Amino acid sequence: MSALVDAPGTTDLIARLRRLLSSANLECTCRTTLGRALDRFTVLERRRQVRSALRDARARRDEIVAKLAFLTELNDITEHEPDQTAFDELAVLFDEICDAASAAAAAIRFSTPMQATGTDSPPRCASTLPPGQA
């Protein structure tokens, strides 16, 4: 039977099925047909997972776009702002944008086979830099 396509979550199940079926007394043609069917299932499952990851990344993008509109308030705030909660609200917006961007990046990384990207880096905005260090 041929090698499996990398499909997180599915690969283990298919590998266990292959091990179980390899010990069964199947005719050679039946074994070959079954192997091809498992290969095809793995490919289709991987495509389904990629579609889902892309859908998630697009939803996060839309979330970020919606939040960016609220950041225009930053233009109206000065160092003399009497309402200190305005700064807190803007900070929360940036945090929420960071979270959405990190989730989108994770979805994109999931949808790309690791061997193709060669990276498994953590989200870049997960760590907060002190002011002036960006």
N, C-alpha and C. Protein backbone atom coordinates (compact mmCIF):
# COMPACT_ATOMS: atom_id res chain seq x y z
N MET A 1 0.84 -1.18 0.00
CA MET A 1 0.00 0.00 0.00
C MET A 1 0.89 1.24 0.00
N SER A 2 0.41 2.30 -0.66
CA SER A 2 1.25 3.48 -0.82
C SER A 2 1.29 4.32 0.45
N ALA A 3 2.20 5.30 0.45
CA ALA A 3 2.38 6.16 1.62
C ALA A 3 1.17 7.07 1.81
N LEU A 4 0.95 7.45 3.05
CA LEU A 4 -0.18 8.31 3.38
C LEU A 4 0.13 9.76 3.08
N VAL A 5 -0.90 10.50 2.72
CA VAL A 5 -0.80 11.94 2.61
C VAL A 5 -0.92 12.49 4.02
N ASP A 6 -0.15 13.54 4.34
CA ASP A 6 -0.19 14.12 5.68
C ASP A 6 -1.54 14.78 5.92
N ALA A 7 -2.36 14.18 6.74
CA ALA A 7 -3.66 14.73 7.10
C ALA A 7 -3.83 14.61 8.60
N PRO A 8 -3.46 15.68 9.35
CA PRO A 8 -3.55 15.62 10.80
C PRO A 8 -4.93 15.16 11.25
N GLY A 9 -4.96 14.28 12.25
CA GLY A 9 -6.22 13.79 12.77
C GLY A 9 -6.74 12.58 12.03
N THR A 10 -6.45 12.50 10.75
CA THR A 10 -6.94 11.40 9.93
C THR A 10 -5.85 10.36 9.74
N THR A 11 -4.62 10.81 9.67
CA THR A 11 -3.50 9.92 9.39
C THR A 11 -3.43 8.76 10.37
N ASP A 12 -3.61 9.05 11.65
CA ASP A 12 -3.53 8.00 12.65
C ASP A 12 -4.64 6.97 12.46
N LEU A 13 -5.84 7.43 12.21
CA LEU A 13 -6.96 6.52 12.00
C LEU A 13 -6.71 5.64 10.77
N ILE A 14 -6.28 6.23 9.69
CA ILE A 14 -6.02 5.47 8.46
C ILE A 14 -4.87 4.49 8.69
N ALA A 15 -3.84 4.91 9.39
CA ALA A 15 -2.71 4.01 9.67
C ALA A 15 -3.17 2.80 10.50
N ARG A 16 -4.03 3.04 11.48
CA ARG A 16 -4.55 1.92 12.29
C ARG A 16 -5.41 0.99 11.45
N LEU A 17 -6.23 1.57 10.58
CA LEU A 17 -7.04 0.75 9.68
C LEU A 17 -6.15 -0.10 8.77
N ARG A 18 -5.10 0.53 8.24
CA ARG A 18 -4.17 -0.20 7.36
C ARG A 18 -3.52 -1.37 8.10
N ARG A 19 -3.10 -1.13 9.35
CA ARG A 19 -2.47 -2.20 10.13
C ARG A 19 -3.45 -3.34 10.36
N LEU A 20 -4.66 -3.00 10.72
CA LEU A 20 -5.68 -4.01 10.98
C LEU A 20 -5.99 -4.81 9.72
N LEU A 21 -6.16 -4.12 8.61
CA LEU A 21 -6.53 -4.79 7.38
C LEU A 21 -5.36 -5.56 6.75
N SER A 22 -4.14 -5.16 7.08
CA SER A 22 -2.99 -5.89 6.52
C SER A 22 -2.90 -7.30 7.09
N SER A 23 -3.46 -7.50 8.28
CA SER A 23 -3.42 -8.83 8.88
C SER A 23 -4.62 -9.68 8.43
N ALA A 24 -5.57 -9.05 7.75
CA ALA A 24 -6.73 -9.80 7.26
C ALA A 24 -6.35 -10.57 6.00
N ASN A 25 -6.97 -11.70 5.83
CA ASN A 25 -6.72 -12.50 4.63
C ASN A 25 -7.56 -11.97 3.47
N LEU A 26 -7.02 -10.98 2.78
CA LEU A 26 -7.72 -10.40 1.64
C LEU A 26 -7.02 -10.82 0.37
N GLU A 27 -7.79 -10.98 -0.70
CA GLU A 27 -7.18 -11.26 -1.99
C GLU A 27 -6.29 -10.09 -2.38
N CYS A 28 -5.33 -10.35 -3.18
CA CYS A 28 -4.38 -9.32 -3.60
C CYS A 28 -5.09 -8.13 -4.26
N THR A 29 -6.01 -8.41 -5.17
CA THR A 29 -6.71 -7.32 -5.85
C THR A 29 -7.59 -6.55 -4.88
N CYS A 30 -8.20 -7.25 -3.94
CA CYS A 30 -9.04 -6.59 -2.94
C CYS A 30 -8.18 -5.70 -2.05
N ARG A 31 -7.02 -6.18 -1.65
CA ARG A 31 -6.10 -5.41 -0.82
C ARG A 31 -5.64 -4.15 -1.55
N THR A 32 -5.33 -4.29 -2.85
CA THR A 32 -4.91 -3.14 -3.65
C THR A 32 -6.04 -2.13 -3.78
N THR A 33 -7.24 -2.60 -4.03
CA THR A 33 -8.40 -1.71 -4.16
C THR A 33 -8.67 -0.99 -2.85
N LEU A 34 -8.57 -1.71 -1.76
CA LEU A 34 -8.78 -1.11 -0.44
C LEU A 34 -7.70 -0.06 -0.16
N GLY A 35 -6.47 -0.37 -0.49
CA GLY A 35 -5.37 0.58 -0.30
C GLY A 35 -5.61 1.86 -1.07
N ARG A 36 -6.05 1.72 -2.30
CA ARG A 36 -6.35 2.91 -3.13
C ARG A 36 -7.50 3.71 -2.53
N ALA A 37 -8.51 3.01 -2.02
CA ALA A 37 -9.66 3.69 -1.42
C ALA A 37 -9.22 4.47 -0.17
N LEU A 38 -8.35 3.87 0.64
CA LEU A 38 -7.84 4.57 1.82
C LEU A 38 -6.99 5.78 1.42
N ASP A 39 -6.18 5.62 0.38
CA ASP A 39 -5.39 6.75 -0.12
C ASP A 39 -6.30 7.89 -0.55
N ARG A 40 -7.33 7.55 -1.30
CA ARG A 40 -8.27 8.56 -1.80
C ARG A 40 -9.00 9.24 -0.63
N PHE A 41 -9.42 8.46 0.35
CA PHE A 41 -10.07 9.03 1.53
C PHE A 41 -9.15 10.01 2.24
N THR A 42 -7.89 9.65 2.38
CA THR A 42 -6.92 10.52 3.04
C THR A 42 -6.78 11.84 2.30
N VAL A 43 -6.69 11.77 0.98
CA VAL A 43 -6.56 12.99 0.17
C VAL A 43 -7.81 13.86 0.33
N LEU A 44 -8.98 13.25 0.25
CA LEU A 44 -10.22 14.02 0.38
C LEU A 44 -10.37 14.63 1.77
N GLU A 45 -9.98 13.89 2.78
CA GLU A 45 -10.06 14.40 4.15
C GLU A 45 -9.11 15.58 4.32
N ARG A 46 -7.93 15.49 3.76
CA ARG A 46 -6.98 16.60 3.85
C ARG A 46 -7.55 17.84 3.17
N ARG A 47 -8.16 17.67 2.01
CA ARG A 47 -8.78 18.81 1.32
C ARG A 47 -9.88 19.43 2.17
N ARG A 48 -10.68 18.59 2.82
CA ARG A 48 -11.74 19.09 3.68
C ARG A 48 -11.16 19.92 4.83
N GLN A 49 -10.07 19.43 5.41
CA GLN A 49 -9.44 20.15 6.50
C GLN A 49 -8.86 21.49 6.03
N VAL A 50 -8.28 21.51 4.84
CA VAL A 50 -7.72 22.75 4.30
C VAL A 50 -8.84 23.75 4.04
N ARG A 51 -9.94 23.28 3.45
CA ARG A 51 -11.09 24.17 3.20
C ARG A 51 -11.59 24.77 4.51
N SER A 52 -11.68 23.96 5.53
CA SER A 52 -12.14 24.43 6.83
C SER A 52 -11.17 25.46 7.42
N ALA A 53 -9.88 25.20 7.31
CA ALA A 53 -8.88 26.13 7.83
C ALA A 53 -8.93 27.46 7.08
N LEU A 54 -9.09 27.41 5.78
CA LEU A 54 -9.19 28.64 4.99
C LEU A 54 -10.46 29.41 5.34
N ARG A 55 -11.56 28.71 5.54
CA ARG A 55 -12.81 29.36 5.94
C ARG A 55 -12.61 30.07 7.29
N ASP A 56 -11.92 29.42 8.21
CA ASP A 56 -11.64 30.03 9.51
C ASP A 56 -10.76 31.26 9.36
N ALA A 57 -9.73 31.17 8.55
CA ALA A 57 -8.83 32.31 8.34
C ALA A 57 -9.58 33.49 7.73
N ARG A 58 -10.47 33.21 6.79
CA ARG A 58 -11.26 34.29 6.17
C ARG A 58 -12.21 34.93 7.19
N ALA A 59 -12.79 34.13 8.06
CA ALA A 59 -13.66 34.68 9.10
C ALA A 59 -12.86 35.58 10.04
N ARG A 60 -11.66 35.16 10.38
CA ARG A 60 -10.79 35.98 11.25
C ARG A 60 -10.41 37.28 10.54
N ARG A 61 -10.15 37.20 9.24
CA ARG A 61 -9.85 38.41 8.47
C ARG A 61 -11.02 39.38 8.55
N ASP A 62 -12.22 38.89 8.36
CA ASP A 62 -13.41 39.73 8.43
C ASP A 62 -13.57 40.35 9.81
N GLU A 63 -13.24 39.59 10.84
CA GLU A 63 -13.29 40.09 12.21
C GLU A 63 -12.30 41.24 12.39
N ILE A 64 -11.11 41.07 11.84
CA ILE A 64 -10.08 42.12 11.93
C ILE A 64 -10.54 43.38 11.19
N VAL A 65 -11.08 43.21 10.01
CA VAL A 65 -11.55 44.36 9.23
C VAL A 65 -12.61 45.14 10.01
N ALA A 66 -13.52 44.43 10.65
CA ALA A 66 -14.57 45.09 11.43
C ALA A 66 -13.97 45.87 12.60
N LYS A 67 -12.95 45.32 13.22
CA LYS A 67 -12.34 45.99 14.37
C LYS A 67 -11.48 47.18 13.94
N LEU A 68 -10.93 47.13 12.75
CA LEU A 68 -10.10 48.24 12.28
C LEU A 68 -10.90 49.54 12.20
N ALA A 69 -12.17 49.46 11.90
CA ALA A 69 -13.00 50.66 11.82
C ALA A 69 -13.04 51.39 13.16
N PHE A 70 -13.03 50.64 14.25
CA PHE A 70 -13.06 51.27 15.57
C PHE A 70 -11.73 51.95 15.91
N LEU A 71 -10.66 51.54 15.26
CA LEU A 71 -9.35 52.14 15.56
C LEU A 71 -9.22 53.56 15.03
N THR A 72 -10.15 54.00 14.21
CA THR A 72 -10.10 55.39 13.72
C THR A 72 -10.24 56.37 14.88
N GLU A 73 -10.82 55.91 16.00
CA GLU A 73 -10.93 56.76 17.19
C GLU A 73 -9.56 57.16 17.72
N LEU A 74 -8.55 56.42 17.37
CA LEU A 74 -7.19 56.74 17.81
C LEU A 74 -6.77 58.12 17.31
N ASN A 75 -7.29 58.53 16.16
CA ASN A 75 -6.96 59.85 15.60
C ASN A 75 -7.54 60.98 16.44
N ASP A 76 -8.59 60.71 17.20
CA ASP A 76 -9.27 61.74 17.98
C ASP A 76 -8.74 61.86 19.40
N ILE A 77 -7.87 60.96 19.79
CA ILE A 77 -7.37 60.95 21.17
C ILE A 77 -6.01 61.65 21.22
N THR A 78 -5.86 62.49 22.23
CA THR A 78 -4.57 63.17 22.44
C THR A 78 -4.02 62.75 23.80
N GLU A 79 -2.86 63.27 24.10
CA GLU A 79 -2.27 62.97 25.41
C GLU A 79 -3.04 63.64 26.55
N HIS A 80 -3.96 64.54 26.21
CA HIS A 80 -4.76 65.24 27.20
C HIS A 80 -6.14 64.60 27.38
N GLU A 81 -6.31 63.41 26.88
CA GLU A 81 -7.61 62.73 26.95
C GLU A 81 -8.04 62.56 28.41
N PRO A 82 -9.20 63.12 28.78
CA PRO A 82 -9.64 63.01 30.18
C PRO A 82 -10.19 61.62 30.52
N ASP A 83 -10.71 60.92 29.53
CA ASP A 83 -11.31 59.61 29.77
C ASP A 83 -10.25 58.53 29.55
N GLN A 84 -9.69 58.04 30.62
CA GLN A 84 -8.62 57.04 30.52
C GLN A 84 -9.11 55.69 30.00
N THR A 85 -10.41 55.45 30.10
CA THR A 85 -10.92 54.19 29.57
C THR A 85 -10.80 54.13 28.05
N ALA A 86 -10.68 55.28 27.42
CA ALA A 86 -10.49 55.30 25.96
C ALA A 86 -9.21 54.57 25.59
N PHE A 87 -8.16 54.75 26.39
CA PHE A 87 -6.89 54.06 26.13
C PHE A 87 -7.04 52.56 26.35
N ASP A 88 -7.77 52.20 27.42
CA ASP A 88 -8.00 50.78 27.71
C ASP A 88 -8.78 50.11 26.57
N GLU A 89 -9.80 50.80 26.08
CA GLU A 89 -10.61 50.25 25.00
C GLU A 89 -9.80 50.05 23.73
N LEU A 90 -8.93 51.01 23.42
CA LEU A 90 -8.07 50.86 22.24
C LEU A 90 -7.09 49.70 22.42
N ALA A 91 -6.55 49.57 23.62
CA ALA A 91 -5.62 48.46 23.90
C ALA A 91 -6.32 47.12 23.72
N VAL A 92 -7.56 47.03 24.19
CA VAL A 92 -8.33 45.79 24.03
C VAL A 92 -8.57 45.51 22.55
N LEU A 93 -8.87 46.55 21.78
CA LEU A 93 -9.06 46.36 20.33
C LEU A 93 -7.80 45.77 19.69
N PHE A 94 -6.65 46.35 20.03
CA PHE A 94 -5.40 45.81 19.47
C PHE A 94 -5.17 44.37 19.91
N ASP A 95 -5.49 44.06 21.17
CA ASP A 95 -5.35 42.68 21.65
C ASP A 95 -6.27 41.74 20.88
N GLU A 96 -7.51 42.18 20.65
CA GLU A 96 -8.46 41.35 19.91
C GLU A 96 -8.02 41.14 18.46
N ILE A 97 -7.46 42.18 17.87
CA ILE A 97 -6.93 42.05 16.50
C ILE A 97 -5.76 41.06 16.49
N CYS A 98 -4.91 41.16 17.49
CA CYS A 98 -3.79 40.23 17.61
C CYS A 98 -4.27 38.80 17.75
N ASP A 99 -5.28 38.60 18.60
CA ASP A 99 -5.81 37.25 18.79
C ASP A 99 -6.40 36.70 17.50
N ALA A 100 -7.16 37.54 16.79
CA ALA A 100 -7.76 37.10 15.52
C ALA A 100 -6.67 36.81 14.49
N ALA A 101 -5.65 37.65 14.45
CA ALA A 101 -4.56 37.42 13.50
C ALA A 101 -3.79 36.15 13.84
N SER A 102 -3.58 35.89 15.13
CA SER A 102 -2.89 34.66 15.54
C SER A 102 -3.70 33.43 15.17
N ALA A 103 -5.01 33.50 15.37
CA ALA A 103 -5.88 32.37 15.01
C ALA A 103 -5.87 32.14 13.51
N ALA A 104 -5.90 33.23 12.74
CA ALA A 104 -5.85 33.11 11.27
C ALA A 104 -4.51 32.52 10.83
N ALA A 105 -3.44 32.96 11.44
CA ALA A 105 -2.11 32.43 11.09
C ALA A 105 -2.03 30.94 11.42
N ALA A 106 -2.59 30.55 12.56
CA ALA A 106 -2.58 29.13 12.93
C ALA A 106 -3.39 28.32 11.92
N ALA A 107 -4.50 28.85 11.47
CA ALA A 107 -5.32 28.15 10.47
C ALA A 107 -4.56 27.99 9.16
N ILE A 108 -3.87 29.05 8.76
CA ILE A 108 -3.09 28.98 7.51
C ILE A 108 -1.94 28.00 7.66
N ARG A 109 -1.26 28.02 8.81
CA ARG A 109 -0.17 27.06 9.02
C ARG A 109 -0.69 25.64 8.99
N PHE A 110 -1.88 25.42 9.55
CA PHE A 110 -2.47 24.08 9.55
C PHE A 110 -2.78 23.63 8.14
N SER A 111 -3.19 24.57 7.29
CA SER A 111 -3.60 24.20 5.94
C SER A 111 -2.42 23.96 5.01
N THR A 112 -1.22 24.30 5.46
CA THR A 112 -0.02 24.11 4.64
C THR A 112 0.80 22.98 5.23
N PRO A 113 1.11 21.96 4.43
CA PRO A 113 1.94 20.88 4.96
C PRO A 113 3.25 21.41 5.52
N MET A 114 3.65 20.93 6.69
CA MET A 114 4.86 21.41 7.36
C MET A 114 6.10 21.30 6.48
N GLN A 115 6.20 20.22 5.71
CA GLN A 115 7.40 20.07 4.90
C GLN A 115 7.49 21.13 3.82
N ALA A 116 6.37 21.71 3.41
CA ALA A 116 6.38 22.74 2.38
C ALA A 116 6.81 24.08 2.95
N THR A 117 6.41 24.39 4.20
CA THR A 117 6.73 25.68 4.78
C THR A 117 8.06 25.66 5.53
N GLY A 118 8.37 24.53 6.12
CA GLY A 118 9.60 24.43 6.88
C GLY A 118 9.57 25.24 8.17
N THR A 119 8.40 25.68 8.61
CA THR A 119 8.32 26.48 9.81
C THR A 119 7.20 26.00 10.70
N ASP A 120 7.43 26.13 11.96
CA ASP A 120 6.41 25.82 12.96
C ASP A 120 6.53 26.88 14.04
N SER A 121 6.61 28.15 13.61
CA SER A 121 6.85 29.24 14.54
C SER A 121 5.59 29.65 15.27
N PRO A 122 5.74 30.14 16.52
CA PRO A 122 4.59 30.60 17.29
C PRO A 122 4.08 31.92 16.72
N PRO A 123 2.87 32.32 17.09
CA PRO A 123 2.34 33.60 16.64
C PRO A 123 3.25 34.74 17.06
N ARG A 124 3.47 35.69 16.17
CA ARG A 124 4.39 36.78 16.46
C ARG A 124 3.83 37.80 17.41
N CYS A 125 2.52 38.00 17.42
CA CYS A 125 1.98 39.02 18.32
C CYS A 125 1.58 38.42 19.66
N ALA A 126 1.93 37.17 19.91
CA ALA A 126 1.58 36.53 21.18
C ALA A 126 2.36 37.14 22.34
N SER A 127 3.56 37.61 22.07
CA SER A 127 4.32 38.24 23.14
C SER A 127 4.20 39.76 23.00
N THR A 128 4.01 40.43 24.10
CA THR A 128 3.82 41.87 24.07
C THR A 128 5.16 42.56 24.23
N LEU A 129 5.44 43.47 23.33
CA LEU A 129 6.67 44.26 23.41
C LEU A 129 6.40 45.52 24.21
N PRO A 130 7.37 45.98 24.97
CA PRO A 130 7.20 47.25 25.69
C PRO A 130 7.08 48.39 24.68
N PRO A 131 6.44 49.50 25.06
CA PRO A 131 6.32 50.65 24.15
C PRO A 131 7.68 51.09 23.64
N GLY A 132 7.72 51.44 22.36
CA GLY A 132 8.97 51.91 21.75
C GLY A 132 9.88 50.80 21.29
N GLN A 133 9.50 49.53 21.46
CA GLN A 133 10.35 48.40 21.10
C GLN A 133 9.88 47.68 19.84
N ALA A 134 8.88 48.22 19.18
CA ALA A 134 8.34 47.54 18.00
C ALA A 134 9.25 47.73 16.81
